[in-house]
Amino acid sequence: MSILTTVTPVSHDLGQFTVRRAVPSLAARMVGPFVFVDQFGPAQLDLGKGMDVRPHPHINLATVTWLFDGEYAGAIEHRDSLGTFSTIRPGTVNLMTAGRGIVHSERSPQDERAKGPRLYGMQTWLALPDGKEEIDPAFEAVSDLPWIEGDGARACVIMGELWGARAATTCHAETIYAEILLQPGGSIPIDAEADERAVMLVGGEASLDGEPLALYDLNVLKPGEAMTLASQTGARAMLLGGEAFATKRHVWWNFVSSDRERIEQAKEDWREGRFAKVPGDEEEFIPLPEGKPKTVSEP
């Protein structure tokens, strides 16, 4: 058996589309630096509708947004308190480093709304490592990403180094992240170099060393074992992971930190309006919810 743990994500029906959250969960609080793993779509929204995630804050983490190409290829407009405006499209990874604090919004572009927006992709959060949690906030969009091909497979290296190719995307901790496209009868090796790894099948049919994978389940792999991902009929899958964190992370709402008190401070800062505004999207915001932070090892 190549799979250590299988996580069936919790699905959230947002009316026009579904978001499936695999991490954090009871079975997997983190996979390498990945402390949050959401998969959304494929979805075709109604004409005139759109995704509207109002301005909200983050600390001590980096968000990674990746959209899939193909029939459900879409776009998302990102704005943040640094003054960034970026239209996220397939083939470009958007990495927003929150560090000591950032605010951003994510909305469907107007031209997408006119034709009925399409959404299909991933949003993940990476916990920033010890000593880097309070770095300056930053944003980058990287489109010059390496693709590797062979044995009926194509793979895009989004972050880190895989199959001998390295992405230019900034890594604050050792990270691997890739999209894998398998043709019918195709296969690709999954190396054993990272401390922690997981595979999610997001389209089609695939198996890992002969073990069938269920659509959207996150399969946490046994450490130290090389294996092969294969498909008889074609598939799309995500590979993610990296270095294991020695220090626990607390997660509450949009905040991640090794320090509970830092999260309490961020809550107060958002409640009192101390975070910077998002230029071009200053009229709305998501209010602070109620609740207490948990560590990634707690239910």
C-alpha atoms as a PDB file:
ATOM      1  CA  MET A   1       0.000   0.000   0.000  1.00  0.00           C
ATOM      2  CA  SER A   2       1.414   3.375  -1.088  1.00  0.00           C
ATOM      3  CA  ILE A   3      -1.216   5.494   0.660  1.00  0.00           C
ATOM      4  CA  LEU A   4      -0.791   6.368   4.326  1.00  0.00           C
ATOM      5  CA  THR A   5      -4.108   8.203   4.823  1.00  0.00           C
ATOM      6  CA  THR A   6      -7.064   9.068   2.602  1.00  0.00           C
ATOM      7  CA  VAL A   7      -9.018  12.237   3.332  1.00  0.00           C
ATOM      8  CA  THR A   8     -12.480  12.717   1.866  1.00  0.00           C
ATOM      9  CA  PRO A   9     -12.925  16.488   1.740  1.00  0.00           C
ATOM     10  CA  VAL A  10     -15.802  18.342   3.322  1.00  0.00           C
ATOM     11  CA  SER A  11     -17.931  19.821   0.535  1.00  0.00           C
ATOM     12  CA  HIS A  12     -19.392  23.308   0.811  1.00  0.00           C
ATOM     13  CA  ASP A  13     -22.184  24.076  -1.649  1.00  0.00           C
ATOM     14  CA  LEU A  14     -21.969  27.795  -2.400  1.00  0.00           C
ATOM     15  CA  GLY A  15     -24.999  27.688  -4.677  1.00  0.00           C
ATOM     16  CA  GLN A  16     -23.260  28.299  -7.980  1.00  0.00           C
ATOM     17  CA  PHE A  17     -20.268  26.065  -7.269  1.00  0.00           C
ATOM     18  CA  THR A  18     -18.829  23.588  -4.768  1.00  0.00           C
ATOM     19  CA  VAL A  19     -15.676  23.989  -2.664  1.00  0.00           C
ATOM     20  CA  ARG A  20     -14.083  20.822  -1.263  1.00  0.00           C
ATOM     21  CA  ARG A  21     -11.823  21.274   1.779  1.00  0.00           C
ATOM     22  CA  ALA A  22      -9.351  18.460   2.485  1.00  0.00           C
ATOM     23  CA  VAL A  23      -6.917  20.249   4.818  1.00  0.00           C
ATOM     24  CA  PRO A  24      -7.137  20.949   7.690  1.00  0.00           C
ATOM     25  CA  SER A  25      -9.032  17.799   8.677  1.00  0.00           C
ATOM     26  CA  LEU A  26      -8.891  15.262  11.479  1.00  0.00           C
ATOM     27  CA  ALA A  27      -6.823  12.934   9.311  1.00  0.00           C
ATOM     28  CA  ALA A  28      -4.477  15.564   7.856  1.00  0.00           C
ATOM     29  CA  ARG A  29      -3.739  18.826   9.652  1.00  0.00           C
ATOM     30  CA  MET A  30      -0.811  19.658   7.365  1.00  0.00           C
ATOM     31  CA  VAL A  31       1.008  18.110   4.413  1.00  0.00           C
ATOM     32  CA  GLY A  32       4.457  19.670   4.400  1.00  0.00           C
ATOM     33  CA  PRO A  33       3.832  23.440   4.622  1.00  0.00           C
ATOM     34  CA  PHE A  34       0.302  23.066   3.177  1.00  0.00           C
ATOM     35  CA  VAL A  35      -2.032  23.961   6.028  1.00  0.00           C
ATOM     36  CA  PHE A  36      -5.138  24.515   3.893  1.00  0.00           C
ATOM     37  CA  VAL A  37      -6.221  22.727   0.698  1.00  0.00           C
ATOM     38  CA  ASP A  38      -9.377  23.697  -1.184  1.00  0.00           C
ATOM     39  CA  GLN A  39     -10.495  22.422  -4.577  1.00  0.00           C
ATOM     40  CA  PHE A  40     -13.339  24.220  -6.387  1.00  0.00           C
ATOM     41  CA  GLY A  41     -15.420  23.459  -9.492  1.00  0.00           C
ATOM     42  CA  PRO A  42     -15.693  22.549 -12.291  1.00  0.00           C
ATOM     43  CA  ALA A  43     -18.605  24.967 -12.485  1.00  0.00           C
ATOM     44  CA  GLN A  44     -20.434  27.163 -14.958  1.00  0.00           C
ATOM     45  CA  LEU A  45     -22.085  30.093 -13.168  1.00  0.00           C
ATOM     46  CA  ASP A  46     -25.261  31.795 -14.380  1.00  0.00           C
ATOM     47  CA  LEU A  47     -25.099  34.787 -16.706  1.00  0.00           C
ATOM     48  CA  GLY A  48     -24.526  37.960 -14.719  1.00  0.00           C
ATOM     49  CA  LYS A  49     -23.415  36.035 -11.634  1.00  0.00           C
ATOM     50  CA  GLY A  50     -19.917  35.717 -10.274  1.00  0.00           C
ATOM     51  CA  MET A  51     -17.647  34.859  -7.393  1.00  0.00           C
ATOM     52  CA  ASP A  52     -17.313  37.708  -4.906  1.00  0.00           C
ATOM     53  CA  VAL A  53     -14.960  37.124  -1.985  1.00  0.00           C
ATOM     54  CA  ARG A  54     -14.961  40.498  -0.216  1.00  0.00           C
ATOM     55  CA  PRO A  55     -11.785  41.975   1.316  1.00  0.00           C
ATOM     56  CA  HIS A  56     -10.459  39.899   4.222  1.00  0.00           C
ATOM     57  CA  PRO A  57      -7.133  39.649   6.090  1.00  0.00           C
ATOM     58  CA  HIS A  58      -4.365  37.044   6.398  1.00  0.00           C
ATOM     59  CA  ILE A  59      -1.251  36.715   8.556  1.00  0.00           C
ATOM     60  CA  ASN A  60       1.759  34.367   8.767  1.00  0.00           C
ATOM     61  CA  LEU A  61       0.907  32.397   5.612  1.00  0.00           C
ATOM     62  CA  ALA A  62       1.096  32.461   1.813  1.00  0.00           C
ATOM     63  CA  THR A  63      -1.905  31.791  -0.431  1.00  0.00           C
ATOM     64  CA  VAL A  64      -1.440  29.930  -3.710  1.00  0.00           C
ATOM     65  CA  THR A  65      -4.139  30.154  -6.392  1.00  0.00           C
ATOM     66  CA  TRP A  66      -4.044  27.869  -9.437  1.00  0.00           C
ATOM     67  CA  LEU A  67      -6.704  27.579 -12.160  1.00  0.00           C
ATOM     68  CA  PHE A  68      -7.095  24.627 -14.503  1.00  0.00           C
ATOM     69  CA  ASP A  69      -7.111  25.018 -18.271  1.00  0.00           C
ATOM     70  CA  GLY A  70      -9.653  23.352 -20.538  1.00  0.00           C
ATOM     71  CA  GLU A  71     -13.437  23.401 -20.853  1.00  0.00           C
ATOM     72  CA  TYR A  72     -13.956  25.150 -17.511  1.00  0.00           C
ATOM     73  CA  ALA A  73     -11.048  27.577 -17.748  1.00  0.00           C
ATOM     74  CA  GLY A  74     -11.939  30.855 -16.076  1.00  0.00           C
ATOM     75  CA  ALA A  75     -10.398  33.907 -14.429  1.00  0.00           C
ATOM     76  CA  ILE A  76     -10.340  35.612 -11.010  1.00  0.00           C
ATOM     77  CA  GLU A  77      -9.458  39.221 -10.260  1.00  0.00           C
ATOM     78  CA  HIS A  78      -7.141  39.614  -7.270  1.00  0.00           C
ATOM     79  CA  ARG A  79      -6.696  42.913  -5.453  1.00  0.00           C
ATOM     80  CA  ASP A  80      -4.718  43.416  -2.259  1.00  0.00           C
ATOM     81  CA  SER A  81      -3.639  46.060   0.236  1.00  0.00           C
ATOM     82  CA  LEU A  82      -0.223  46.363  -1.444  1.00  0.00           C
ATOM     83  CA  GLY A  83      -2.039  47.905  -4.402  1.00  0.00           C
ATOM     84  CA  THR A  84      -1.724  44.750  -6.512  1.00  0.00           C
ATOM     85  CA  PHE A  85      -4.255  44.081  -9.245  1.00  0.00           C
ATOM     86  CA  SER A  86      -3.822  40.733 -11.000  1.00  0.00           C
ATOM     87  CA  THR A  87      -6.144  38.704 -13.196  1.00  0.00           C
ATOM     88  CA  ILE A  88      -5.538  35.055 -12.360  1.00  0.00           C
ATOM     89  CA  ARG A  89      -5.729  32.758 -15.402  1.00  0.00           C
ATOM     90  CA  PRO A  90      -4.762  29.130 -16.126  1.00  0.00           C
ATOM     91  CA  GLY A  91      -1.030  28.589 -16.462  1.00  0.00           C
ATOM     92  CA  THR A  92      -0.053  31.343 -14.021  1.00  0.00           C
ATOM     93  CA  VAL A  93       0.435  30.715 -10.309  1.00  0.00           C
ATOM     94  CA  ASN A  94      -0.478  33.561  -7.991  1.00  0.00           C
ATOM     95  CA  LEU A  95       1.446  33.560  -4.701  1.00  0.00           C
ATOM     96  CA  MET A  96       0.407  36.095  -2.081  1.00  0.00           C
ATOM     97  CA  THR A  97       2.655  36.169   0.987  1.00  0.00           C
ATOM     98  CA  ALA A  98       0.750  37.606   3.937  1.00  0.00           C
ATOM     99  CA  GLY A  99       3.655  37.729   6.398  1.00  0.00           C
ATOM    100  CA  ARG A 100       2.866  40.319   9.081  1.00  0.00           C
ATOM    101  CA  GLY A 101      -0.461  41.103   7.427  1.00  0.00           C
ATOM    102  CA  ILE A 102      -2.276  41.650   4.133  1.00  0.00           C
ATOM    103  CA  VAL A 103      -5.858  42.139   2.951  1.00  0.00           C
ATOM    104  CA  HIS A 104      -7.199  40.934  -0.399  1.00  0.00           C
ATOM    105  CA  SER A 105     -10.354  40.292  -2.404  1.00  0.00           C
ATOM    106  CA  GLU A 106     -11.135  37.789  -5.154  1.00  0.00           C
ATOM    107  CA  ARG A 107     -13.897  38.451  -7.682  1.00  0.00           C
ATOM    108  CA  SER A 108     -15.023  37.301 -11.112  1.00  0.00           C
ATOM    109  CA  PRO A 109     -14.080  39.786 -13.864  1.00  0.00           C
ATOM    110  CA  GLN A 110     -16.890  41.723 -15.511  1.00  0.00           C
ATOM    111  CA  ASP A 111     -16.284  40.135 -18.925  1.00  0.00           C
ATOM    112  CA  GLU A 112     -16.571  36.690 -17.311  1.00  0.00           C
ATOM    113  CA  ARG A 113     -19.870  37.618 -15.658  1.00  0.00           C
ATOM    114  CA  ALA A 114     -21.314  38.642 -19.018  1.00  0.00           C
ATOM    115  CA  LYS A 115     -20.834  35.138 -20.428  1.00  0.00           C
ATOM    116  CA  GLY A 116     -21.296  33.142 -17.216  1.00  0.00           C
ATOM    117  CA  PRO A 117     -18.060  32.675 -15.233  1.00  0.00           C
ATOM    118  CA  ARG A 118     -16.344  29.305 -15.131  1.00  0.00           C
ATOM    119  CA  LEU A 119     -14.390  28.136 -12.103  1.00  0.00           C
ATOM    120  CA  TYR A 120     -12.128  25.111 -11.779  1.00  0.00           C
ATOM    121  CA  GLY A 121      -8.976  25.059  -9.697  1.00  0.00           C
ATOM    122  CA  MET A 122      -7.212  25.000  -6.346  1.00  0.00           C
ATOM    123  CA  GLN A 123      -6.532  27.421  -3.549  1.00  0.00           C
ATOM    124  CA  THR A 124      -4.021  26.376  -0.938  1.00  0.00           C
ATOM    125  CA  TRP A 125      -2.350  28.070   2.011  1.00  0.00           C
ATOM    126  CA  LEU A 126       1.252  27.522   3.014  1.00  0.00           C
ATOM    127  CA  ALA A 127       2.252  28.131   6.615  1.00  0.00           C
ATOM    128  CA  LEU A 128       5.337  30.320   6.759  1.00  0.00           C
ATOM    129  CA  PRO A 129       8.244  28.638   8.568  1.00  0.00           C
ATOM    130  CA  ASP A 130       9.657  29.625  11.957  1.00  0.00           C
ATOM    131  CA  GLY A 131      11.553  32.901  11.692  1.00  0.00           C
ATOM    132  CA  LYS A 132       9.678  33.983   8.552  1.00  0.00           C
ATOM    133  CA  GLU A 133       6.115  34.316   9.799  1.00  0.00           C
ATOM    134  CA  GLU A 134       6.328  38.100  10.133  1.00  0.00           C
ATOM    135  CA  ILE A 135       8.153  38.891   6.889  1.00  0.00           C
ATOM    136  CA  ASP A 136       6.944  41.738   4.695  1.00  0.00           C
ATOM    137  CA  PRO A 137       3.832  40.987   2.643  1.00  0.00           C
ATOM    138  CA  ALA A 138       4.393  40.388  -1.068  1.00  0.00           C
ATOM    139  CA  PHE A 139       2.684  39.231  -4.245  1.00  0.00           C
ATOM    140  CA  GLU A 140       3.959  37.499  -7.364  1.00  0.00           C
ATOM    141  CA  ALA A 141       2.379  36.001 -10.476  1.00  0.00           C
ATOM    142  CA  VAL A 142       4.614  33.469 -12.226  1.00  0.00           C
ATOM    143  CA  SER A 143       3.707  32.201 -15.690  1.00  0.00           C
ATOM    144  CA  ASP A 144       7.073  30.919 -16.934  1.00  0.00           C
ATOM    145  CA  LEU A 145       6.627  27.508 -15.304  1.00  0.00           C
ATOM    146  CA  PRO A 146       8.397  24.328 -16.437  1.00  0.00           C
ATOM    147  CA  TRP A 147       6.431  21.511 -18.065  1.00  0.00           C
ATOM    148  CA  ILE A 148       7.845  18.013 -18.265  1.00  0.00           C
ATOM    149  CA  GLU A 149       6.592  15.366 -20.726  1.00  0.00           C
ATOM    150  CA  GLY A 150       6.978  11.625 -21.221  1.00  0.00           C
ATOM    151  CA  ASP A 151       5.217   8.234 -20.979  1.00  0.00           C
ATOM    152  CA  GLY A 152       1.838   9.740 -21.865  1.00  0.00           C
ATOM    153  CA  ALA A 153       2.074  12.359 -19.129  1.00  0.00           C
ATOM    154  CA  ARG A 154       2.541  16.126 -18.891  1.00  0.00           C
ATOM    155  CA  ALA A 155       3.227  17.873 -15.610  1.00  0.00           C
ATOM    156  CA  CYS A 156       3.572  21.517 -14.676  1.00  0.00           C
ATOM    157  CA  VAL A 157       5.903  22.261 -11.774  1.00  0.00           C
ATOM    158  CA  ILE A 158       4.126  25.076  -9.900  1.00  0.00           C
ATOM    159  CA  MET A 159       6.437  25.308  -6.891  1.00  0.00           C
ATOM    160  CA  GLY A 160       9.705  23.673  -5.933  1.00  0.00           C
ATOM    161  CA  GLU A 161      11.662  21.035  -7.851  1.00  0.00           C
ATOM    162  CA  LEU A 162      10.185  17.886  -9.384  1.00  0.00           C
ATOM    163  CA  TRP A 163      11.326  15.508 -12.157  1.00  0.00           C
ATOM    164  CA  GLY A 164      14.532  17.540 -12.510  1.00  0.00           C
ATOM    165  CA  ALA A 165      12.756  20.851 -13.184  1.00  0.00           C
ATOM    166  CA  ARG A 166      12.429  23.784 -10.786  1.00  0.00           C
ATOM    167  CA  ALA A 167       9.779  26.501 -10.814  1.00  0.00           C
ATOM    168  CA  ALA A 168      10.786  30.140 -10.359  1.00  0.00           C
ATOM    169  CA  THR A 169       8.025  30.606  -7.778  1.00  0.00           C
ATOM    170  CA  THR A 170       9.268  31.744  -4.349  1.00  0.00           C
ATOM    171  CA  CYS A 171       9.363  28.994  -1.701  1.00  0.00           C
ATOM    172  CA  HIS A 172       9.602  30.160   1.917  1.00  0.00           C
ATOM    173  CA  ALA A 173       9.906  26.522   3.051  1.00  0.00           C
ATOM    174  CA  GLU A 174      10.821  23.418   1.040  1.00  0.00           C
ATOM    175  CA  THR A 175       7.720  22.911  -1.107  1.00  0.00           C
ATOM    176  CA  ILE A 176       6.584  20.721  -3.992  1.00  0.00           C
ATOM    177  CA  TYR A 177       3.446  21.487  -5.993  1.00  0.00           C
ATOM    178  CA  ALA A 178       2.491  20.261  -9.456  1.00  0.00           C
ATOM    179  CA  GLU A 179      -0.420  19.642 -11.814  1.00  0.00           C
ATOM    180  CA  ILE A 180      -0.269  16.297 -13.625  1.00  0.00           C
ATOM    181  CA  LEU A 181      -2.121  15.499 -16.872  1.00  0.00           C
ATOM    182  CA  LEU A 182      -2.243  11.836 -17.880  1.00  0.00           C
ATOM    183  CA  GLN A 183      -3.293  10.618 -21.314  1.00  0.00           C
ATOM    184  CA  PRO A 184      -5.035   7.220 -21.625  1.00  0.00           C
ATOM    185  CA  GLY A 185      -2.409   4.646 -20.686  1.00  0.00           C
ATOM    186  CA  GLY A 186      -0.060   7.329 -19.340  1.00  0.00           C
ATOM    187  CA  SER A 187       2.003   7.202 -16.153  1.00  0.00           C
ATOM    188  CA  ILE A 188       4.442   9.314 -14.150  1.00  0.00           C
ATOM    189  CA  PRO A 189       6.797   8.548 -11.232  1.00  0.00           C
ATOM    190  CA  ILE A 190       6.107  10.124  -7.847  1.00  0.00           C
ATOM    191  CA  ASP A 191       9.499  10.561  -6.216  1.00  0.00           C
ATOM    192  CA  ALA A 192      10.161  10.062  -2.517  1.00  0.00           C
ATOM    193  CA  GLU A 193      12.349  13.093  -1.796  1.00  0.00           C
ATOM    194  CA  ALA A 194       9.879  15.321   0.119  1.00  0.00           C
ATOM    195  CA  ASP A 195       9.177  14.720   3.819  1.00  0.00           C
ATOM    196  CA  GLU A 196       5.418  14.692   3.220  1.00  0.00           C
ATOM    197  CA  ARG A 197       3.414  14.298  -0.015  1.00  0.00           C
ATOM    198  CA  ALA A 198      -0.182  13.940  -1.117  1.00  0.00           C
ATOM    199  CA  VAL A 199      -2.016  13.370  -4.397  1.00  0.00           C
ATOM    200  CA  MET A 200      -5.528  14.557  -5.257  1.00  0.00           C
ATOM    201  CA  LEU A 201      -7.342  13.302  -8.355  1.00  0.00           C
ATOM    202  CA  VAL A 202      -9.328  16.278  -9.671  1.00  0.00           C
ATOM    203  CA  GLY A 203     -10.554  14.836 -12.978  1.00  0.00           C
ATOM    204  CA  GLY A 204     -10.773  11.517 -14.802  1.00  0.00           C
ATOM    205  CA  GLU A 205      -9.524   8.169 -13.492  1.00  0.00           C
ATOM    206  CA  ALA A 206      -6.162   7.185 -11.990  1.00  0.00           C
ATOM    207  CA  SER A 207      -4.415   4.743  -9.707  1.00  0.00           C
ATOM    208  CA  LEU A 208      -1.328   4.881  -7.513  1.00  0.00           C
ATOM    209  CA  ASP A 209       0.750   1.698  -7.675  1.00  0.00           C
ATOM    210  CA  GLY A 210      -2.447  -0.052  -8.742  1.00  0.00           C
ATOM    211  CA  GLU A 211      -4.612   1.432  -5.991  1.00  0.00           C
ATOM    212  CA  PRO A 212      -7.609   3.255  -7.532  1.00  0.00           C
ATOM    213  CA  LEU A 213      -8.022   6.879  -6.455  1.00  0.00           C
ATOM    214  CA  ALA A 214     -11.429   8.376  -5.714  1.00  0.00           C
ATOM    215  CA  LEU A 215     -12.203  11.744  -7.287  1.00  0.00           C
ATOM    216  CA  TYR A 216     -11.302  14.688  -5.000  1.00  0.00           C
ATOM    217  CA  ASP A 217      -9.971  12.519  -2.138  1.00  0.00           C
ATOM    218  CA  LEU A 218      -6.602  13.684  -0.791  1.00  0.00           C
ATOM    219  CA  ASN A 219      -4.256  10.711  -0.572  1.00  0.00           C
ATOM    220  CA  VAL A 220      -1.395  11.268   1.868  1.00  0.00           C
ATOM    221  CA  LEU A 221       1.506   9.098   0.726  1.00  0.00           C
ATOM    222  CA  LYS A 222       3.829   6.945   2.772  1.00  0.00           C
ATOM    223  CA  PRO A 223       7.102   8.797   3.373  1.00  0.00           C
ATOM    224  CA  GLY A 224      10.255   7.554   1.720  1.00  0.00           C
ATOM    225  CA  GLU A 225       8.512   5.432  -0.928  1.00  0.00           C
ATOM    226  CA  ALA A 226       8.689   6.023  -4.675  1.00  0.00           C
ATOM    227  CA  MET A 227       5.554   5.109  -6.617  1.00  0.00           C
ATOM    228  CA  THR A 228       3.807   5.510  -9.960  1.00  0.00           C
ATOM    229  CA  LEU A 229       0.640   7.420 -10.831  1.00  0.00           C
ATOM    230  CA  ALA A 230      -1.121   5.925 -13.861  1.00  0.00           C
ATOM    231  CA  SER A 231      -4.383   6.195 -15.799  1.00  0.00           C
ATOM    232  CA  GLN A 232      -6.171   3.934 -18.249  1.00  0.00           C
ATOM    233  CA  THR A 233      -8.572   6.583 -19.582  1.00  0.00           C
ATOM    234  CA  GLY A 234      -6.935   9.945 -18.767  1.00  0.00           C
ATOM    235  CA  ALA A 235      -6.707  12.049 -15.629  1.00  0.00           C
ATOM    236  CA  ARG A 236      -5.833  15.349 -14.001  1.00  0.00           C
ATOM    237  CA  ALA A 237      -4.185  15.236 -10.557  1.00  0.00           C
ATOM    238  CA  MET A 238      -2.393  17.509  -8.102  1.00  0.00           C
ATOM    239  CA  LEU A 239       0.776  16.589  -6.216  1.00  0.00           C
ATOM    240  CA  LEU A 240       1.641  18.655  -3.142  1.00  0.00           C
ATOM    241  CA  GLY A 241       3.853  18.546  -0.061  1.00  0.00           C
ATOM    242  CA  GLY A 242       7.270  19.484   1.220  1.00  0.00           C
ATOM    243  CA  GLU A 243       9.144  19.732   4.491  1.00  0.00           C
ATOM    244  CA  ALA A 244       7.488  18.637   7.718  1.00  0.00           C
ATOM    245  CA  PHE A 245       7.062  21.432  10.279  1.00  0.00           C
ATOM    246  CA  ALA A 246       8.472  20.760  13.750  1.00  0.00           C
ATOM    247  CA  THR A 247       6.446  23.574  15.349  1.00  0.00           C
ATOM    248  CA  LYS A 248       2.657  23.370  15.520  1.00  0.00           C
ATOM    249  CA  ARG A 249       0.532  25.929  13.732  1.00  0.00           C
ATOM    250  CA  HIS A 250      -2.682  27.449  15.043  1.00  0.00           C
ATOM    251  CA  VAL A 251      -5.425  28.076  12.488  1.00  0.00           C
ATOM    252  CA  TRP A 252      -8.405  30.360  12.980  1.00  0.00           C
ATOM    253  CA  TRP A 253     -10.492  31.822  10.160  1.00  0.00           C
ATOM    254  CA  ASN A 254      -7.990  33.384   7.721  1.00  0.00           C
ATOM    255  CA  PHE A 255      -5.132  33.495  10.215  1.00  0.00           C
ATOM    256  CA  VAL A 256      -2.309  30.977  10.666  1.00  0.00           C
ATOM    257  CA  SER A 257       0.464  31.335  13.255  1.00  0.00           C
ATOM    258  CA  SER A 258       2.728  29.405  15.612  1.00  0.00           C
ATOM    259  CA  ASP A 259       1.595  31.845  18.334  1.00  0.00           C
ATOM    260  CA  ARG A 260      -2.006  31.900  19.615  1.00  0.00           C
ATOM    261  CA  GLU A 261      -1.542  35.432  20.932  1.00  0.00           C
ATOM    262  CA  ARG A 262      -0.546  36.612  17.476  1.00  0.00           C
ATOM    263  CA  ILE A 263      -3.891  35.393  16.161  1.00  0.00           C
ATOM    264  CA  GLU A 264      -5.697  37.193  18.986  1.00  0.00           C
ATOM    265  CA  GLN A 265      -3.856  40.375  18.020  1.00  0.00           C
ATOM    266  CA  ALA A 266      -4.842  39.923  14.363  1.00  0.00           C
ATOM    267  CA  LYS A 267      -8.474  39.449  15.390  1.00  0.00           C
ATOM    268  CA  GLU A 268      -8.406  42.692  17.352  1.00  0.00           C
ATOM    269  CA  ASP A 269      -6.627  44.514  14.522  1.00  0.00           C
ATOM    270  CA  TRP A 270      -9.294  43.449  12.011  1.00  0.00           C
ATOM    271  CA  ARG A 271     -12.129  44.250  14.396  1.00  0.00           C
ATOM    272  CA  GLU A 272     -10.715  47.722  15.023  1.00  0.00           C
ATOM    273  CA  GLY A 273      -9.970  48.459  11.356  1.00  0.00           C
ATOM    274  CA  ARG A 274      -6.171  48.563  11.704  1.00  0.00           C
ATOM    275  CA  PHE A 275      -5.394  46.511   8.596  1.00  0.00           C
ATOM    276  CA  ALA A 276      -4.710  48.407   5.376  1.00  0.00           C
ATOM    277  CA  LYS A 277      -7.497  48.847   2.842  1.00  0.00           C
ATOM    278  CA  VAL A 278      -7.601  47.292  -0.629  1.00  0.00           C
ATOM    279  CA  PRO A 279      -7.302  50.040  -3.271  1.00  0.00           C
ATOM    280  CA  GLY A 280     -10.167  49.747  -5.722  1.00  0.00           C
ATOM    281  CA  ASP A 281     -12.216  47.537  -3.372  1.00  0.00           C
ATOM    282  CA  GLU A 282     -12.661  49.634  -0.236  1.00  0.00           C
ATOM    283  CA  GLU A 283     -16.444  49.614   0.237  1.00  0.00           C
ATOM    284  CA  GLU A 284     -16.958  46.044   1.456  1.00  0.00           C
ATOM    285  CA  PHE A 285     -15.288  43.639   3.887  1.00  0.00           C
ATOM    286  CA  ILE A 286     -15.908  40.296   5.590  1.00  0.00           C
ATOM    287  CA  PRO A 287     -16.687  40.808   9.302  1.00  0.00           C
ATOM    288  CA  LEU A 288     -14.746  38.940  11.959  1.00  0.00           C
ATOM    289  CA  PRO A 289     -16.506  35.664  12.925  1.00  0.00           C
ATOM    290  CA  GLU A 290     -16.662  34.268  16.428  1.00  0.00           C
ATOM    291  CA  GLY A 291     -14.589  31.330  17.667  1.00  0.00           C
ATOM    292  CA  LYS A 292     -11.251  30.299  19.147  1.00  0.00           C
ATOM    293  CA  PRO A 293      -8.074  29.290  17.266  1.00  0.00           C
ATOM    294  CA  LYS A 294      -7.073  25.616  17.141  1.00  0.00           C
ATOM    295  CA  THR A 295      -3.738  24.009  16.541  1.00  0.00           C
ATOM    296  CA  VAL A 296      -3.362  21.880  13.448  1.00  0.00           C
ATOM    297  CA  SER A 297      -3.193  18.821  15.736  1.00  0.00           C
ATOM    298  CA  GLU A 298      -6.570  19.475  17.364  1.00  0.00           C
ATOM    299  CA  PRO A 299     -10.049  18.520  16.046  1.00  0.00           C
END
